[in-house]
Amino acid sequence: MTLVTDWNTAACLGHGELFILDENYTNEQVEAAKDICETCPIFDDCEAWAIKYREEFDIWAGKTPRERGSVSHADSVSVRHGTQAGHAWHKRYEVPMCRACRVAYNEAAKIRQRIYVAKKKGQPEGSGDTGDTGGHSLPLTKGDPRG
């Protein structure tokens, strides 16, 4: 994994005191740091860095060392983040959910809901507001290599 990141765009710049966990840190400090991480444009790269280099201290990508601790036993498993399989990996290994996997799962849930509603109305899976599926059971997204 090669990380090419402009760390100067990190949302935590200028807030270093929140991210350094000494013996006197508070839950409020951790929550404030996590709130900043949620807005960070390099969140995923920060998380990848912390996992790759097994950062043992401080907050990285909105996670404390304890929250990142479960990653070490799962990091040898190949995972594609931003997919439903990635979401399942997070659940299976009890690894805190990354933004890409959370978004992928939520998008898939919306599609499943539309299909469920269409079935309840007696419409075939490919009809209704799910769009033209081109014979696939789920709608294709723009740029999908299958269609």
N, C-alpha and C. Protein backbone atom coordinates (compact mmCIF):
# COMPACT_ATOMS: atom_id res chain seq x y z
N MET A 1 0.84 -1.17 0.00
CA MET A 1 0.00 0.00 0.00
C MET A 1 0.89 1.23 0.00
N THR A 2 0.69 2.10 -0.98
CA THR A 2 1.42 3.35 -1.04
C THR A 2 0.45 4.47 -0.74
N LEU A 3 0.77 5.25 0.26
CA LEU A 3 -0.09 6.36 0.62
C LEU A 3 0.53 7.65 0.10
N VAL A 4 -0.20 8.32 -0.77
CA VAL A 4 0.22 9.61 -1.28
C VAL A 4 -0.81 10.59 -0.77
N THR A 5 -0.49 11.24 0.30
CA THR A 5 -1.45 12.09 0.97
C THR A 5 -0.85 13.44 1.26
N ASP A 6 -1.65 14.46 1.06
CA ASP A 6 -1.23 15.80 1.47
C ASP A 6 -1.68 15.99 2.91
N TRP A 7 -0.81 15.66 3.82
CA TRP A 7 -1.15 15.72 5.24
C TRP A 7 -1.45 17.14 5.69
N ASN A 8 -1.07 18.12 4.89
CA ASN A 8 -1.36 19.52 5.24
C ASN A 8 -2.83 19.85 5.12
N THR A 9 -3.63 18.95 4.56
CA THR A 9 -5.08 19.16 4.46
C THR A 9 -5.84 18.51 5.61
N ALA A 10 -5.13 17.87 6.53
CA ALA A 10 -5.78 17.17 7.64
C ALA A 10 -6.57 18.15 8.51
N ALA A 11 -7.76 17.76 8.90
CA ALA A 11 -8.62 18.60 9.74
C ALA A 11 -8.05 18.78 11.14
N CYS A 12 -7.17 17.89 11.57
CA CYS A 12 -6.64 17.96 12.93
C CYS A 12 -5.52 18.98 13.09
N LEU A 13 -5.01 19.53 11.98
CA LEU A 13 -3.95 20.52 12.09
C LEU A 13 -4.41 21.70 12.94
N GLY A 14 -3.60 22.06 13.91
CA GLY A 14 -3.94 23.15 14.81
C GLY A 14 -4.71 22.70 16.04
N HIS A 15 -5.03 21.41 16.11
CA HIS A 15 -5.76 20.86 17.25
C HIS A 15 -5.01 19.70 17.89
N GLY A 16 -3.70 19.69 17.75
CA GLY A 16 -2.88 18.56 18.20
C GLY A 16 -3.12 18.14 19.63
N GLU A 17 -3.42 19.08 20.50
CA GLU A 17 -3.62 18.76 21.91
C GLU A 17 -4.80 17.81 22.13
N LEU A 18 -5.77 17.83 21.23
CA LEU A 18 -6.92 16.92 21.36
C LEU A 18 -6.56 15.48 21.00
N PHE A 19 -5.58 15.31 20.13
CA PHE A 19 -5.28 14.00 19.57
C PHE A 19 -4.18 13.26 20.32
N ILE A 20 -3.49 13.95 21.22
CA ILE A 20 -2.43 13.32 22.00
C ILE A 20 -3.02 12.87 23.33
N LEU A 21 -3.01 11.58 23.54
CA LEU A 21 -3.62 11.01 24.74
C LEU A 21 -2.55 10.76 25.80
N ASP A 22 -2.52 11.63 26.78
CA ASP A 22 -1.62 11.40 27.91
C ASP A 22 -2.42 10.77 29.04
N GLU A 23 -1.83 10.64 30.20
CA GLU A 23 -2.51 9.97 31.31
C GLU A 23 -3.70 10.77 31.85
N ASN A 24 -3.85 12.04 31.45
CA ASN A 24 -4.93 12.88 31.96
C ASN A 24 -6.02 13.15 30.93
N TYR A 25 -6.09 12.36 29.85
CA TYR A 25 -7.08 12.67 28.82
C TYR A 25 -8.49 12.39 29.34
N THR A 26 -9.47 13.07 28.71
CA THR A 26 -10.87 12.92 29.12
C THR A 26 -11.71 12.39 27.96
N ASN A 27 -12.89 11.88 28.29
CA ASN A 27 -13.81 11.42 27.26
C ASN A 27 -14.23 12.57 26.35
N GLU A 28 -14.38 13.77 26.94
CA GLU A 28 -14.75 14.94 26.15
C GLU A 28 -13.67 15.25 25.11
N GLN A 29 -12.41 15.10 25.50
CA GLN A 29 -11.30 15.32 24.58
C GLN A 29 -11.37 14.35 23.42
N VAL A 30 -11.61 13.08 23.73
CA VAL A 30 -11.68 12.05 22.69
C VAL A 30 -12.85 12.34 21.75
N GLU A 31 -14.01 12.70 22.29
CA GLU A 31 -15.18 12.97 21.46
C GLU A 31 -14.95 14.19 20.58
N ALA A 32 -14.29 15.22 21.10
CA ALA A 32 -13.98 16.42 20.30
C ALA A 32 -13.05 16.05 19.15
N ALA A 33 -12.06 15.21 19.42
CA ALA A 33 -11.13 14.78 18.37
C ALA A 33 -11.87 13.96 17.31
N LYS A 34 -12.76 13.07 17.73
CA LYS A 34 -13.52 12.25 16.79
C LYS A 34 -14.42 13.11 15.91
N ASP A 35 -15.00 14.16 16.49
CA ASP A 35 -15.84 15.08 15.71
C ASP A 35 -15.03 15.75 14.61
N ILE A 36 -13.81 16.13 14.91
CA ILE A 36 -12.93 16.75 13.91
C ILE A 36 -12.60 15.74 12.82
N CYS A 37 -12.32 14.51 13.21
CA CYS A 37 -11.97 13.47 12.24
C CYS A 37 -13.10 13.21 11.25
N GLU A 38 -14.34 13.31 11.70
CA GLU A 38 -15.49 13.07 10.81
C GLU A 38 -15.52 14.03 9.63
N THR A 39 -14.89 15.20 9.77
CA THR A 39 -14.91 16.20 8.69
C THR A 39 -13.63 16.17 7.87
N CYS A 40 -12.72 15.28 8.16
CA CYS A 40 -11.39 15.31 7.56
C CYS A 40 -11.39 14.77 6.13
N PRO A 41 -10.76 15.51 5.20
CA PRO A 41 -10.71 15.04 3.81
C PRO A 41 -9.76 13.87 3.60
N ILE A 42 -8.87 13.60 4.56
CA ILE A 42 -7.93 12.48 4.39
C ILE A 42 -8.17 11.39 5.43
N PHE A 43 -9.40 11.30 5.91
CA PHE A 43 -9.78 10.33 6.94
C PHE A 43 -9.32 8.91 6.59
N ASP A 44 -9.63 8.46 5.38
CA ASP A 44 -9.32 7.08 4.99
C ASP A 44 -7.81 6.84 4.94
N ASP A 45 -7.05 7.82 4.45
CA ASP A 45 -5.60 7.67 4.40
C ASP A 45 -5.01 7.64 5.81
N CYS A 46 -5.57 8.45 6.70
CA CYS A 46 -5.11 8.48 8.09
C CYS A 46 -5.35 7.12 8.75
N GLU A 47 -6.53 6.58 8.49
CA GLU A 47 -6.86 5.26 9.05
C GLU A 47 -5.93 4.18 8.48
N ALA A 48 -5.68 4.24 7.17
CA ALA A 48 -4.79 3.26 6.55
C ALA A 48 -3.38 3.37 7.13
N TRP A 49 -2.91 4.59 7.37
CA TRP A 49 -1.59 4.81 7.96
C TRP A 49 -1.53 4.18 9.35
N ALA A 50 -2.53 4.46 10.17
CA ALA A 50 -2.54 3.95 11.55
C ALA A 50 -2.54 2.43 11.59
N ILE A 51 -3.25 1.81 10.64
CA ILE A 51 -3.30 0.35 10.60
C ILE A 51 -1.97 -0.20 10.07
N LYS A 52 -1.50 0.38 8.97
CA LYS A 52 -0.26 -0.12 8.35
C LYS A 52 0.92 -0.03 9.31
N TYR A 53 1.04 1.10 10.00
CA TYR A 53 2.19 1.31 10.87
C TYR A 53 1.89 1.00 12.34
N ARG A 54 0.73 0.43 12.57
CA ARG A 54 0.32 -0.03 13.91
C ARG A 54 0.58 1.02 14.99
N GLU A 55 0.03 2.21 14.75
CA GLU A 55 0.18 3.31 15.69
C GLU A 55 -0.37 2.89 17.05
N GLU A 56 0.44 2.97 18.06
CA GLU A 56 0.07 2.50 19.40
C GLU A 56 -0.42 3.61 20.31
N PHE A 57 -0.24 4.86 19.90
CA PHE A 57 -0.56 5.98 20.78
C PHE A 57 -1.47 6.97 20.06
N ASP A 58 -2.19 7.74 20.84
CA ASP A 58 -2.95 8.88 20.37
C ASP A 58 -4.13 8.48 19.47
N ILE A 59 -4.83 9.50 18.99
CA ILE A 59 -6.01 9.28 18.15
C ILE A 59 -5.61 9.43 16.69
N TRP A 60 -5.97 8.42 15.91
CA TRP A 60 -5.74 8.42 14.47
C TRP A 60 -7.06 8.05 13.81
N ALA A 61 -7.50 8.85 12.84
CA ALA A 61 -8.75 8.58 12.11
C ALA A 61 -9.92 8.37 13.06
N GLY A 62 -9.95 9.15 14.12
CA GLY A 62 -11.08 9.09 15.04
C GLY A 62 -11.11 7.87 15.93
N LYS A 63 -9.98 7.18 16.04
CA LYS A 63 -9.94 5.95 16.85
C LYS A 63 -8.83 6.03 17.88
N THR A 64 -9.15 5.58 19.07
CA THR A 64 -8.17 5.50 20.14
C THR A 64 -7.32 4.25 19.95
N PRO A 65 -6.20 4.14 20.66
CA PRO A 65 -5.40 2.91 20.55
C PRO A 65 -6.22 1.65 20.85
N ARG A 66 -7.10 1.72 21.84
CA ARG A 66 -7.92 0.55 22.18
C ARG A 66 -8.85 0.19 21.02
N GLU A 67 -9.45 1.19 20.38
CA GLU A 67 -10.34 0.93 19.25
C GLU A 67 -9.59 0.38 18.05
N ARG A 68 -8.35 0.78 17.88
CA ARG A 68 -7.54 0.25 16.79
C ARG A 68 -6.94 -1.11 17.13
N GLY A 69 -6.93 -1.50 18.38
CA GLY A 69 -6.26 -2.73 18.81
C GLY A 69 -6.75 -3.97 18.13
N SER A 70 -8.03 -4.05 17.81
CA SER A 70 -8.57 -5.26 17.20
C SER A 70 -8.17 -5.39 15.75
N VAL A 71 -7.59 -4.35 15.16
CA VAL A 71 -7.20 -4.41 13.77
C VAL A 71 -6.04 -5.37 13.55
N SER A 72 -5.13 -5.49 14.52
CA SER A 72 -3.92 -6.28 14.31
C SER A 72 -4.21 -7.74 13.96
N HIS A 73 -5.24 -8.35 14.53
CA HIS A 73 -5.52 -9.75 14.19
C HIS A 73 -6.25 -9.89 12.86
N ALA A 74 -6.80 -8.79 12.35
CA ALA A 74 -7.55 -8.85 11.11
C ALA A 74 -6.79 -8.27 9.93
N ASP A 75 -5.65 -7.63 10.18
CA ASP A 75 -5.00 -6.90 9.09
C ASP A 75 -4.36 -7.80 8.04
N SER A 76 -4.25 -9.08 8.32
CA SER A 76 -3.71 -9.98 7.31
C SER A 76 -4.78 -10.44 6.33
N VAL A 77 -6.04 -10.16 6.63
CA VAL A 77 -7.15 -10.54 5.77
C VAL A 77 -7.33 -9.46 4.70
N SER A 78 -7.39 -9.87 3.44
CA SER A 78 -7.58 -8.91 2.37
C SER A 78 -9.01 -8.40 2.40
N VAL A 79 -9.16 -7.08 2.26
CA VAL A 79 -10.50 -6.49 2.29
C VAL A 79 -10.55 -5.34 1.30
N ARG A 80 -11.68 -5.23 0.59
CA ARG A 80 -11.91 -4.09 -0.30
C ARG A 80 -12.85 -3.15 0.42
N HIS A 81 -12.29 -2.04 0.91
CA HIS A 81 -13.12 -1.06 1.58
C HIS A 81 -14.04 -0.39 0.57
N GLY A 82 -15.18 0.07 1.04
CA GLY A 82 -16.15 0.71 0.16
C GLY A 82 -17.08 -0.28 -0.50
N THR A 83 -17.16 -1.50 0.06
CA THR A 83 -18.04 -2.54 -0.47
C THR A 83 -18.84 -3.15 0.68
N GLN A 84 -19.88 -3.90 0.31
CA GLN A 84 -20.62 -4.62 1.35
C GLN A 84 -19.74 -5.67 2.02
N ALA A 85 -18.83 -6.26 1.25
CA ALA A 85 -17.90 -7.24 1.83
C ALA A 85 -16.98 -6.54 2.84
N GLY A 86 -16.58 -5.32 2.54
CA GLY A 86 -15.77 -4.56 3.49
C GLY A 86 -16.53 -4.30 4.78
N HIS A 87 -17.81 -3.96 4.63
CA HIS A 87 -18.67 -3.75 5.81
C HIS A 87 -18.73 -5.02 6.66
N ALA A 88 -18.91 -6.16 5.99
CA ALA A 88 -18.96 -7.44 6.71
C ALA A 88 -17.64 -7.73 7.42
N TRP A 89 -16.52 -7.37 6.79
CA TRP A 89 -15.21 -7.58 7.40
C TRP A 89 -15.10 -6.79 8.70
N HIS A 90 -15.55 -5.53 8.67
CA HIS A 90 -15.52 -4.71 9.88
C HIS A 90 -16.33 -5.37 10.99
N LYS A 91 -17.51 -5.85 10.64
CA LYS A 91 -18.38 -6.50 11.63
C LYS A 91 -17.75 -7.79 12.16
N ARG A 92 -17.25 -8.61 11.25
CA ARG A 92 -16.71 -9.92 11.63
C ARG A 92 -15.52 -9.78 12.57
N TYR A 93 -14.62 -8.83 12.28
CA TYR A 93 -13.42 -8.69 13.08
C TYR A 93 -13.53 -7.60 14.15
N GLU A 94 -14.74 -7.04 14.29
CA GLU A 94 -15.01 -6.01 15.28
C GLU A 94 -14.03 -4.85 15.16
N VAL A 95 -13.77 -4.47 13.91
CA VAL A 95 -12.90 -3.34 13.60
C VAL A 95 -13.81 -2.13 13.40
N PRO A 96 -13.49 -0.99 13.99
CA PRO A 96 -14.34 0.19 13.79
C PRO A 96 -14.57 0.46 12.30
N MET A 97 -15.80 0.79 11.97
CA MET A 97 -16.22 0.95 10.58
C MET A 97 -15.58 2.17 9.93
N CYS A 98 -14.99 1.98 8.75
CA CYS A 98 -14.45 3.12 8.00
C CYS A 98 -15.61 3.79 7.24
N ARG A 99 -15.39 5.02 6.86
CA ARG A 99 -16.42 5.80 6.19
C ARG A 99 -16.84 5.14 4.88
N ALA A 100 -15.90 4.65 4.09
CA ALA A 100 -16.21 4.06 2.78
C ALA A 100 -17.12 2.84 2.91
N CYS A 101 -16.86 2.00 3.87
CA CYS A 101 -17.68 0.80 4.06
C CYS A 101 -19.07 1.16 4.61
N ARG A 102 -19.13 2.17 5.47
CA ARG A 102 -20.41 2.62 6.00
C ARG A 102 -21.28 3.18 4.87
N VAL A 103 -20.69 3.97 3.98
CA VAL A 103 -21.43 4.53 2.86
C VAL A 103 -21.90 3.42 1.92
N ALA A 104 -21.03 2.47 1.61
CA ALA A 104 -21.39 1.37 0.71
C ALA A 104 -22.55 0.56 1.29
N TYR A 105 -22.50 0.27 2.57
CA TYR A 105 -23.58 -0.50 3.20
C TYR A 105 -24.89 0.28 3.15
N ASN A 106 -24.84 1.58 3.44
CA ASN A 106 -26.06 2.39 3.44
C ASN A 106 -26.66 2.49 2.04
N GLU A 107 -25.81 2.62 1.02
CA GLU A 107 -26.30 2.68 -0.36
C GLU A 107 -26.95 1.35 -0.74
N ALA A 108 -26.33 0.25 -0.36
CA ALA A 108 -26.90 -1.07 -0.66
C ALA A 108 -28.23 -1.25 0.08
N ALA A 109 -28.32 -0.74 1.29
CA ALA A 109 -29.57 -0.84 2.07
C ALA A 109 -30.69 -0.07 1.37
N LYS A 110 -30.36 1.09 0.78
CA LYS A 110 -31.37 1.86 0.05
C LYS A 110 -31.88 1.06 -1.15
N ILE A 111 -30.96 0.41 -1.86
CA ILE A 111 -31.35 -0.40 -3.02
C ILE A 111 -32.22 -1.56 -2.57
N ARG A 112 -31.81 -2.24 -1.49
CA ARG A 112 -32.61 -3.36 -0.98
C ARG A 112 -34.01 -2.89 -0.59
N GLN A 113 -34.10 -1.70 0.00
CA GLN A 113 -35.40 -1.16 0.40
C GLN A 113 -36.27 -0.88 -0.83
N ARG A 114 -35.68 -0.29 -1.88
CA ARG A 114 -36.46 -0.02 -3.09
C ARG A 114 -36.96 -1.32 -3.72
N ILE A 115 -36.12 -2.34 -3.75
CA ILE A 115 -36.52 -3.63 -4.30
C ILE A 115 -37.65 -4.24 -3.46
N TYR A 116 -37.53 -4.15 -2.15
CA TYR A 116 -38.55 -4.68 -1.25
C TYR A 116 -39.89 -3.98 -1.48
N VAL A 117 -39.86 -2.66 -1.59
CA VAL A 117 -41.09 -1.89 -1.81
C VAL A 117 -41.69 -2.25 -3.16
N ALA A 118 -40.84 -2.39 -4.19
CA ALA A 118 -41.32 -2.76 -5.51
C ALA A 118 -41.99 -4.14 -5.49
N LYS A 119 -41.41 -5.07 -4.77
CA LYS A 119 -42.00 -6.42 -4.66
C LYS A 119 -43.33 -6.37 -3.93
N LYS A 120 -43.41 -5.55 -2.89
CA LYS A 120 -44.67 -5.43 -2.14
C LYS A 120 -45.77 -4.87 -3.01
N LYS A 121 -45.40 -4.00 -3.98
CA LYS A 121 -46.37 -3.41 -4.90
C LYS A 121 -46.66 -4.34 -6.07
N GLY A 122 -45.96 -5.48 -6.13
CA GLY A 122 -46.17 -6.44 -7.20
C GLY A 122 -45.42 -6.11 -8.48
N GLN A 123 -44.44 -5.24 -8.40
CA GLN A 123 -43.65 -4.88 -9.57
C GLN A 123 -42.44 -5.80 -9.68
N PRO A 124 -42.00 -6.09 -10.91
CA PRO A 124 -40.77 -6.87 -11.05
C PRO A 124 -39.59 -6.09 -10.47
N GLU A 125 -38.52 -6.80 -10.13
CA GLU A 125 -37.36 -6.18 -9.50
C GLU A 125 -36.78 -5.04 -10.32
N GLY A 126 -36.77 -5.15 -11.64
CA GLY A 126 -36.12 -4.15 -12.48
C GLY A 126 -37.01 -2.97 -12.84
N SER A 127 -38.23 -2.90 -12.31
CA SER A 127 -39.11 -1.80 -12.68
C SER A 127 -39.25 -0.82 -11.53
N GLY A 128 -40.01 0.22 -11.80
CA GLY A 128 -40.24 1.20 -10.74
C GLY A 128 -39.11 2.19 -10.66
N ASP A 129 -38.89 2.75 -9.49
CA ASP A 129 -37.91 3.83 -9.33
C ASP A 129 -36.48 3.32 -9.17
N THR A 130 -36.25 2.02 -9.39
CA THR A 130 -34.88 1.51 -9.28
C THR A 130 -34.09 1.78 -10.55
N GLY A 131 -34.77 2.24 -11.63
CA GLY A 131 -34.05 2.56 -12.85
C GLY A 131 -33.88 1.34 -13.74
N ASP A 132 -33.31 1.54 -14.91
CA ASP A 132 -33.08 0.45 -15.85
C ASP A 132 -31.92 -0.39 -15.36
N THR A 133 -32.18 -1.66 -15.13
CA THR A 133 -31.13 -2.53 -14.60
C THR A 133 -30.41 -3.29 -15.69
N GLY A 134 -30.90 -3.21 -16.91
CA GLY A 134 -30.23 -3.92 -18.00
C GLY A 134 -30.16 -5.41 -17.75
N GLY A 135 -31.17 -5.98 -17.07
CA GLY A 135 -31.20 -7.40 -16.81
C GLY A 135 -30.55 -7.80 -15.51
N HIS A 136 -29.93 -6.87 -14.81
CA HIS A 136 -29.32 -7.17 -13.52
C HIS A 136 -30.36 -7.02 -12.43
N SER A 137 -30.18 -7.71 -11.32
CA SER A 137 -31.14 -7.62 -10.23
C SER A 137 -31.01 -6.34 -9.44
N LEU A 138 -29.84 -5.67 -9.52
CA LEU A 138 -29.65 -4.40 -8.83
C LEU A 138 -29.29 -3.33 -9.87
N PRO A 139 -29.73 -2.09 -9.64
CA PRO A 139 -29.40 -1.04 -10.60
C PRO A 139 -27.90 -0.81 -10.68
N LEU A 140 -27.42 -0.52 -11.88
CA LEU A 140 -26.01 -0.22 -12.07
C LEU A 140 -25.76 1.25 -11.79
N THR A 141 -24.60 1.54 -11.28
CA THR A 141 -24.25 2.93 -11.04
C THR A 141 -23.41 3.43 -12.20
N LYS A 142 -23.36 4.74 -12.36
CA LYS A 142 -22.56 5.34 -13.43
C LYS A 142 -21.11 4.91 -13.27
N GLY A 143 -20.52 4.45 -14.34
CA GLY A 143 -19.14 4.01 -14.29
C GLY A 143 -18.97 2.57 -13.85
N ASP A 144 -20.06 1.86 -13.67
CA ASP A 144 -19.98 0.46 -13.24
C ASP A 144 -19.38 -0.36 -14.38
N PRO A 145 -18.34 -1.14 -14.14
CA PRO A 145 -17.67 -1.88 -15.21
C PRO A 145 -18.56 -2.95 -15.85
N ARG A 146 -19.66 -3.32 -15.21
CA ARG A 146 -20.52 -4.34 -15.75
C ARG A 146 -21.44 -3.80 -16.83
N GLY A 147 -21.62 -2.50 -16.91
CA GLY A 147 -22.62 -2.03 -17.85
C GLY A 147 -22.24 -0.82 -18.56
